[in-house]
Amino acid sequence: MKRLLPALPLVLAASAALAQERPIQLTIAPGKVGEVCMPLEAGDTLAWRFKADPAADFNLHHHVGEQVIMPVQRKAAAEDRAEHAIDRRNDWCLMWTAPAGQRVTVAGAWAVRKAGAK
């Protein structure tokens, strides 16, 4: 039993990280966009992973007044796994754009590591 106890915190930490993941399941009409948005604080870290079929343009963005700030852009992304350190309190959006003439399905997940969390 003593051998199992040191591993217990790792199992619990992994379970907590998995519980924080939120699913992404989108079907996007040809030429249209699909978004998943969430409020984030400066210092948070947003992580995401997805597969798109067929590939679609992807970005992470937020709005400041009428300006769109887009720190992450991927052209024709069939899949991606990354994270981004949030520098401004705002509503942030993961966005996919389906190619003209093609319906896109996106499946994956996103999670937020709050500022100061390990």
N, C-alpha and C. Protein backbone atom coordinates (compact mmCIF):
# COMPACT_ATOMS: atom_id res chain seq x y z
N MET A 1 0.82 -1.19 0.00
CA MET A 1 0.00 0.00 0.00
C MET A 1 0.86 1.25 0.00
N LYS A 2 2.01 1.21 0.66
CA LYS A 2 2.88 2.37 0.71
C LYS A 2 3.36 2.77 -0.68
N ARG A 3 3.51 1.83 -1.56
CA ARG A 3 3.97 2.13 -2.91
C ARG A 3 2.92 2.90 -3.70
N LEU A 4 1.66 2.73 -3.43
CA LEU A 4 0.60 3.42 -4.16
C LEU A 4 0.42 4.86 -3.70
N LEU A 5 0.67 5.16 -2.47
CA LEU A 5 0.42 6.51 -1.95
C LEU A 5 1.20 7.61 -2.65
N PRO A 6 2.50 7.45 -2.96
CA PRO A 6 3.20 8.52 -3.66
C PRO A 6 2.59 8.85 -5.02
N ALA A 7 1.98 7.91 -5.69
CA ALA A 7 1.37 8.15 -7.00
C ALA A 7 0.00 8.81 -6.90
N LEU A 8 -0.64 8.72 -5.73
CA LEU A 8 -1.98 9.25 -5.58
C LEU A 8 -2.09 10.74 -5.92
N PRO A 9 -1.18 11.62 -5.46
CA PRO A 9 -1.31 13.04 -5.85
C PRO A 9 -1.23 13.25 -7.35
N LEU A 10 -0.42 12.46 -8.04
CA LEU A 10 -0.32 12.58 -9.49
C LEU A 10 -1.63 12.18 -10.16
N VAL A 11 -2.24 11.13 -9.69
CA VAL A 11 -3.52 10.69 -10.24
C VAL A 11 -4.59 11.74 -9.99
N LEU A 12 -4.63 12.28 -8.78
CA LEU A 12 -5.62 13.30 -8.47
C LEU A 12 -5.40 14.56 -9.29
N ALA A 13 -4.15 14.98 -9.47
CA ALA A 13 -3.85 16.17 -10.27
C ALA A 13 -4.26 15.95 -11.72
N ALA A 14 -3.97 14.77 -12.26
CA ALA A 14 -4.35 14.46 -13.64
C ALA A 14 -5.86 14.46 -13.78
N SER A 15 -6.57 13.91 -12.79
CA SER A 15 -8.03 13.89 -12.85
C SER A 15 -8.60 15.29 -12.80
N ALA A 16 -8.02 16.16 -11.98
CA ALA A 16 -8.50 17.54 -11.89
C ALA A 16 -8.28 18.26 -13.21
N ALA A 17 -7.11 18.03 -13.84
CA ALA A 17 -6.83 18.68 -15.13
C ALA A 17 -7.83 18.22 -16.19
N LEU A 18 -8.13 16.93 -16.21
CA LEU A 18 -9.09 16.41 -17.19
C LEU A 18 -10.49 16.95 -16.93
N ALA A 19 -10.87 17.11 -15.68
CA ALA A 19 -12.20 17.60 -15.34
C ALA A 19 -12.40 19.04 -15.81
N GLN A 20 -11.31 19.79 -15.93
CA GLN A 20 -11.42 21.18 -16.35
C GLN A 20 -11.55 21.33 -17.86
N GLU A 21 -11.27 20.29 -18.62
CA GLU A 21 -11.40 20.38 -20.07
C GLU A 21 -12.86 20.53 -20.46
N ARG A 22 -13.09 21.37 -21.45
CA ARG A 22 -14.44 21.56 -21.99
C ARG A 22 -14.43 21.09 -23.43
N PRO A 23 -15.43 20.33 -23.85
CA PRO A 23 -15.42 19.79 -25.21
C PRO A 23 -15.70 20.85 -26.28
N ILE A 24 -15.14 20.60 -27.44
CA ILE A 24 -15.45 21.39 -28.65
C ILE A 24 -16.07 20.41 -29.64
N GLN A 25 -17.29 20.66 -30.05
CA GLN A 25 -18.00 19.86 -31.06
C GLN A 25 -18.76 20.84 -31.95
N LEU A 26 -18.24 21.11 -33.13
CA LEU A 26 -18.88 22.06 -34.03
C LEU A 26 -19.07 21.46 -35.41
N THR A 27 -20.15 21.86 -36.05
CA THR A 27 -20.36 21.61 -37.47
C THR A 27 -20.59 22.98 -38.09
N ILE A 28 -19.72 23.34 -39.04
CA ILE A 28 -19.72 24.69 -39.60
C ILE A 28 -20.13 24.62 -41.07
N ALA A 29 -21.13 25.41 -41.43
CA ALA A 29 -21.62 25.44 -42.82
C ALA A 29 -20.54 26.02 -43.74
N PRO A 30 -20.56 25.64 -45.01
CA PRO A 30 -19.57 26.15 -45.97
C PRO A 30 -19.49 27.68 -45.96
N GLY A 31 -18.25 28.19 -45.85
CA GLY A 31 -18.02 29.63 -45.88
C GLY A 31 -18.39 30.37 -44.60
N LYS A 32 -18.84 29.67 -43.59
CA LYS A 32 -19.26 30.30 -42.32
C LYS A 32 -18.21 30.08 -41.23
N VAL A 33 -18.45 30.68 -40.06
CA VAL A 33 -17.53 30.53 -38.94
C VAL A 33 -18.23 29.84 -37.78
N GLY A 34 -17.42 29.20 -36.96
CA GLY A 34 -17.87 28.63 -35.70
C GLY A 34 -16.93 29.12 -34.62
N GLU A 35 -17.49 29.47 -33.45
CA GLU A 35 -16.70 30.03 -32.37
C GLU A 35 -17.02 29.36 -31.04
N VAL A 36 -16.01 29.31 -30.19
CA VAL A 36 -16.17 28.94 -28.79
C VAL A 36 -15.52 30.07 -28.01
N CYS A 37 -16.32 30.80 -27.21
CA CYS A 37 -15.83 31.98 -26.50
C CYS A 37 -15.93 31.78 -24.99
N MET A 38 -15.02 32.45 -24.27
CA MET A 38 -14.99 32.34 -22.83
C MET A 38 -14.37 33.59 -22.21
N PRO A 39 -14.83 33.99 -21.02
CA PRO A 39 -14.19 35.12 -20.33
C PRO A 39 -12.89 34.67 -19.69
N LEU A 40 -11.83 35.43 -19.91
CA LEU A 40 -10.52 35.10 -19.35
C LEU A 40 -9.91 36.32 -18.67
N GLU A 41 -9.04 36.06 -17.72
CA GLU A 41 -8.36 37.10 -16.97
C GLU A 41 -6.90 37.18 -17.41
N ALA A 42 -6.30 38.36 -17.29
CA ALA A 42 -4.87 38.50 -17.55
C ALA A 42 -4.12 37.54 -16.62
N GLY A 43 -3.17 36.81 -17.17
CA GLY A 43 -2.41 35.83 -16.40
C GLY A 43 -2.91 34.41 -16.56
N ASP A 44 -4.15 34.23 -17.06
CA ASP A 44 -4.66 32.88 -17.34
C ASP A 44 -3.90 32.30 -18.53
N THR A 45 -3.93 30.99 -18.67
CA THR A 45 -3.39 30.32 -19.84
C THR A 45 -4.51 29.49 -20.46
N LEU A 46 -4.78 29.73 -21.72
CA LEU A 46 -5.79 28.97 -22.45
C LEU A 46 -5.09 27.89 -23.26
N ALA A 47 -5.53 26.66 -23.08
CA ALA A 47 -5.00 25.52 -23.84
C ALA A 47 -6.11 24.95 -24.70
N TRP A 48 -5.75 24.47 -25.90
CA TRP A 48 -6.74 23.86 -26.77
C TRP A 48 -6.10 22.75 -27.59
N ARG A 49 -6.97 21.87 -28.06
CA ARG A 49 -6.59 20.82 -29.01
C ARG A 49 -7.81 20.56 -29.86
N PHE A 50 -7.59 20.33 -31.15
CA PHE A 50 -8.72 20.02 -32.02
C PHE A 50 -8.26 19.32 -33.28
N LYS A 51 -9.23 18.68 -33.93
CA LYS A 51 -9.08 18.15 -35.28
C LYS A 51 -10.24 18.71 -36.09
N ALA A 52 -9.93 19.18 -37.29
CA ALA A 52 -10.96 19.73 -38.19
C ALA A 52 -10.97 18.90 -39.47
N ASP A 53 -12.17 18.55 -39.94
CA ASP A 53 -12.31 17.76 -41.16
C ASP A 53 -13.41 18.36 -42.03
N PRO A 54 -13.02 18.89 -43.21
CA PRO A 54 -11.66 19.09 -43.71
C PRO A 54 -10.97 20.22 -42.95
N ALA A 55 -9.71 20.49 -43.30
CA ALA A 55 -8.95 21.56 -42.65
C ALA A 55 -9.68 22.90 -42.79
N ALA A 56 -9.52 23.74 -41.77
CA ALA A 56 -10.18 25.06 -41.75
C ALA A 56 -9.22 26.09 -41.18
N ASP A 57 -9.41 27.35 -41.57
CA ASP A 57 -8.63 28.42 -40.96
C ASP A 57 -9.06 28.55 -39.50
N PHE A 58 -8.09 28.80 -38.63
CA PHE A 58 -8.33 28.87 -37.19
C PHE A 58 -7.66 30.11 -36.63
N ASN A 59 -8.29 30.71 -35.61
CA ASN A 59 -7.63 31.79 -34.89
C ASN A 59 -8.13 31.86 -33.45
N LEU A 60 -7.33 32.52 -32.64
CA LEU A 60 -7.70 32.91 -31.29
C LEU A 60 -7.75 34.42 -31.30
N HIS A 61 -8.88 34.99 -30.87
CA HIS A 61 -8.99 36.46 -30.92
C HIS A 61 -9.83 37.01 -29.77
N HIS A 62 -9.74 38.33 -29.63
CA HIS A 62 -10.62 39.08 -28.73
C HIS A 62 -10.78 40.47 -29.31
N HIS A 63 -11.77 41.20 -28.82
CA HIS A 63 -12.09 42.53 -29.35
C HIS A 63 -11.73 43.60 -28.33
N VAL A 64 -11.14 44.69 -28.82
CA VAL A 64 -10.89 45.88 -28.02
C VAL A 64 -11.55 47.01 -28.79
N GLY A 65 -12.72 47.44 -28.30
CA GLY A 65 -13.51 48.39 -29.08
C GLY A 65 -13.91 47.73 -30.39
N GLU A 66 -13.61 48.39 -31.49
CA GLU A 66 -13.92 47.82 -32.81
C GLU A 66 -12.74 47.05 -33.40
N GLN A 67 -11.61 47.06 -32.70
CA GLN A 67 -10.41 46.37 -33.17
C GLN A 67 -10.45 44.90 -32.77
N VAL A 68 -10.06 44.03 -33.70
CA VAL A 68 -9.95 42.59 -33.42
C VAL A 68 -8.47 42.28 -33.22
N ILE A 69 -8.14 41.76 -32.05
CA ILE A 69 -6.76 41.37 -31.74
C ILE A 69 -6.68 39.86 -31.92
N MET A 70 -5.79 39.41 -32.82
CA MET A 70 -5.72 38.01 -33.19
C MET A 70 -4.28 37.49 -33.00
N PRO A 71 -3.92 37.10 -31.76
CA PRO A 71 -2.54 36.67 -31.52
C PRO A 71 -2.18 35.30 -32.10
N VAL A 72 -3.18 34.49 -32.45
CA VAL A 72 -2.91 33.17 -33.01
C VAL A 72 -3.72 33.01 -34.29
N GLN A 73 -3.04 32.64 -35.38
CA GLN A 73 -3.72 32.38 -36.66
C GLN A 73 -3.09 31.15 -37.30
N ARG A 74 -3.93 30.26 -37.80
CA ARG A 74 -3.46 29.08 -38.52
C ARG A 74 -4.27 28.97 -39.82
N LYS A 75 -3.61 28.82 -40.93
CA LYS A 75 -4.28 28.63 -42.22
C LYS A 75 -4.45 27.13 -42.47
N ALA A 76 -5.62 26.76 -42.91
CA ALA A 76 -5.92 25.37 -43.29
C ALA A 76 -5.41 24.36 -42.26
N ALA A 77 -5.83 24.53 -41.02
CA ALA A 77 -5.40 23.66 -39.92
C ALA A 77 -6.30 22.42 -39.85
N ALA A 78 -5.70 21.26 -40.03
CA ALA A 78 -6.43 20.00 -39.87
C ALA A 78 -6.44 19.60 -38.40
N GLU A 79 -5.42 20.04 -37.66
CA GLU A 79 -5.38 19.81 -36.21
C GLU A 79 -4.42 20.79 -35.59
N ASP A 80 -4.60 20.99 -34.29
CA ASP A 80 -3.71 21.89 -33.56
C ASP A 80 -3.80 21.54 -32.08
N ARG A 81 -2.70 21.78 -31.39
CA ARG A 81 -2.63 21.62 -29.93
C ARG A 81 -1.66 22.70 -29.48
N ALA A 82 -2.14 23.62 -28.65
CA ALA A 82 -1.29 24.72 -28.21
C ALA A 82 -1.88 25.36 -26.97
N GLU A 83 -1.15 26.35 -26.46
CA GLU A 83 -1.67 27.16 -25.37
C GLU A 83 -1.19 28.58 -25.57
N HIS A 84 -1.92 29.51 -24.96
CA HIS A 84 -1.60 30.93 -25.10
C HIS A 84 -1.77 31.61 -23.75
N ALA A 85 -0.76 32.40 -23.37
CA ALA A 85 -0.82 33.18 -22.14
C ALA A 85 -1.68 34.42 -22.40
N ILE A 86 -2.73 34.57 -21.62
CA ILE A 86 -3.67 35.67 -21.80
C ILE A 86 -3.10 36.94 -21.17
N ASP A 87 -3.10 38.02 -21.96
CA ASP A 87 -2.49 39.27 -21.48
C ASP A 87 -3.51 40.36 -21.14
N ARG A 88 -4.80 40.06 -21.35
CA ARG A 88 -5.80 41.09 -21.10
C ARG A 88 -7.13 40.45 -20.69
N ARG A 89 -7.76 40.99 -19.66
CA ARG A 89 -9.08 40.51 -19.25
C ARG A 89 -10.06 40.86 -20.36
N ASN A 90 -10.77 39.83 -20.85
CA ASN A 90 -11.70 40.04 -21.94
C ASN A 90 -12.41 38.72 -22.25
N ASP A 91 -13.38 38.77 -23.15
CA ASP A 91 -13.94 37.55 -23.72
C ASP A 91 -13.04 37.18 -24.89
N TRP A 92 -12.52 35.96 -24.87
CA TRP A 92 -11.63 35.45 -25.92
C TRP A 92 -12.37 34.35 -26.69
N CYS A 93 -12.06 34.22 -27.99
CA CYS A 93 -12.76 33.24 -28.83
C CYS A 93 -11.79 32.41 -29.65
N LEU A 94 -12.04 31.09 -29.65
CA LEU A 94 -11.43 30.18 -30.60
C LEU A 94 -12.37 30.18 -31.80
N MET A 95 -11.84 30.40 -33.02
CA MET A 95 -12.73 30.52 -34.18
C MET A 95 -12.18 29.74 -35.37
N TRP A 96 -13.09 29.04 -36.05
CA TRP A 96 -12.77 28.30 -37.27
C TRP A 96 -13.61 28.84 -38.41
N THR A 97 -13.02 28.91 -39.61
CA THR A 97 -13.73 29.35 -40.80
C THR A 97 -13.73 28.21 -41.81
N ALA A 98 -14.92 27.77 -42.19
CA ALA A 98 -15.04 26.68 -43.16
C ALA A 98 -14.74 27.21 -44.56
N PRO A 99 -14.04 26.43 -45.38
CA PRO A 99 -13.81 26.84 -46.76
C PRO A 99 -15.14 26.94 -47.51
N ALA A 100 -15.17 27.81 -48.51
CA ALA A 100 -16.38 27.90 -49.36
C ALA A 100 -16.64 26.54 -49.97
N GLY A 101 -17.89 26.11 -49.93
CA GLY A 101 -18.26 24.84 -50.56
C GLY A 101 -17.98 23.61 -49.73
N GLN A 102 -17.48 23.76 -48.49
CA GLN A 102 -17.19 22.58 -47.67
C GLN A 102 -17.70 22.78 -46.24
N ARG A 103 -18.46 21.81 -45.77
CA ARG A 103 -18.91 21.78 -44.37
C ARG A 103 -17.75 21.21 -43.54
N VAL A 104 -17.50 21.80 -42.38
CA VAL A 104 -16.38 21.38 -41.53
C VAL A 104 -16.91 20.89 -40.19
N THR A 105 -16.33 19.79 -39.71
CA THR A 105 -16.61 19.34 -38.36
C THR A 105 -15.33 19.54 -37.54
N VAL A 106 -15.50 20.06 -36.34
CA VAL A 106 -14.38 20.31 -35.43
C VAL A 106 -14.67 19.56 -34.14
N ALA A 107 -13.68 18.80 -33.68
CA ALA A 107 -13.80 18.07 -32.41
C ALA A 107 -12.52 18.26 -31.62
N GLY A 108 -12.68 18.53 -30.33
CA GLY A 108 -11.51 18.71 -29.48
C GLY A 108 -11.92 19.15 -28.09
N ALA A 109 -11.05 19.94 -27.46
CA ALA A 109 -11.32 20.41 -26.11
C ALA A 109 -10.48 21.65 -25.83
N TRP A 110 -10.93 22.40 -24.82
CA TRP A 110 -10.16 23.55 -24.34
C TRP A 110 -10.19 23.55 -22.82
N ALA A 111 -9.21 24.22 -22.23
CA ALA A 111 -9.13 24.31 -20.77
C ALA A 111 -8.42 25.60 -20.41
N VAL A 112 -8.69 26.09 -19.22
CA VAL A 112 -8.05 27.31 -18.72
C VAL A 112 -7.30 26.98 -17.45
N ARG A 113 -6.04 27.37 -17.42
CA ARG A 113 -5.27 27.31 -16.18
C ARG A 113 -5.29 28.73 -15.63
N LYS A 114 -5.91 28.90 -14.48
CA LYS A 114 -6.07 30.22 -13.89
C LYS A 114 -4.73 30.79 -13.45
N ALA A 115 -4.64 32.10 -13.49
CA ALA A 115 -3.42 32.80 -13.06
C ALA A 115 -3.05 32.34 -11.66
N GLY A 116 -1.81 32.01 -11.45
CA GLY A 116 -1.34 31.57 -10.13
C GLY A 116 -1.51 30.09 -9.85
N ALA A 117 -2.25 29.36 -10.69
CA ALA A 117 -2.43 27.91 -10.48
C ALA A 117 -1.24 27.18 -11.09
N LYS A 118 -0.94 26.03 -10.52
CA LYS A 118 0.17 25.22 -11.05
C LYS A 118 -0.36 24.09 -11.88
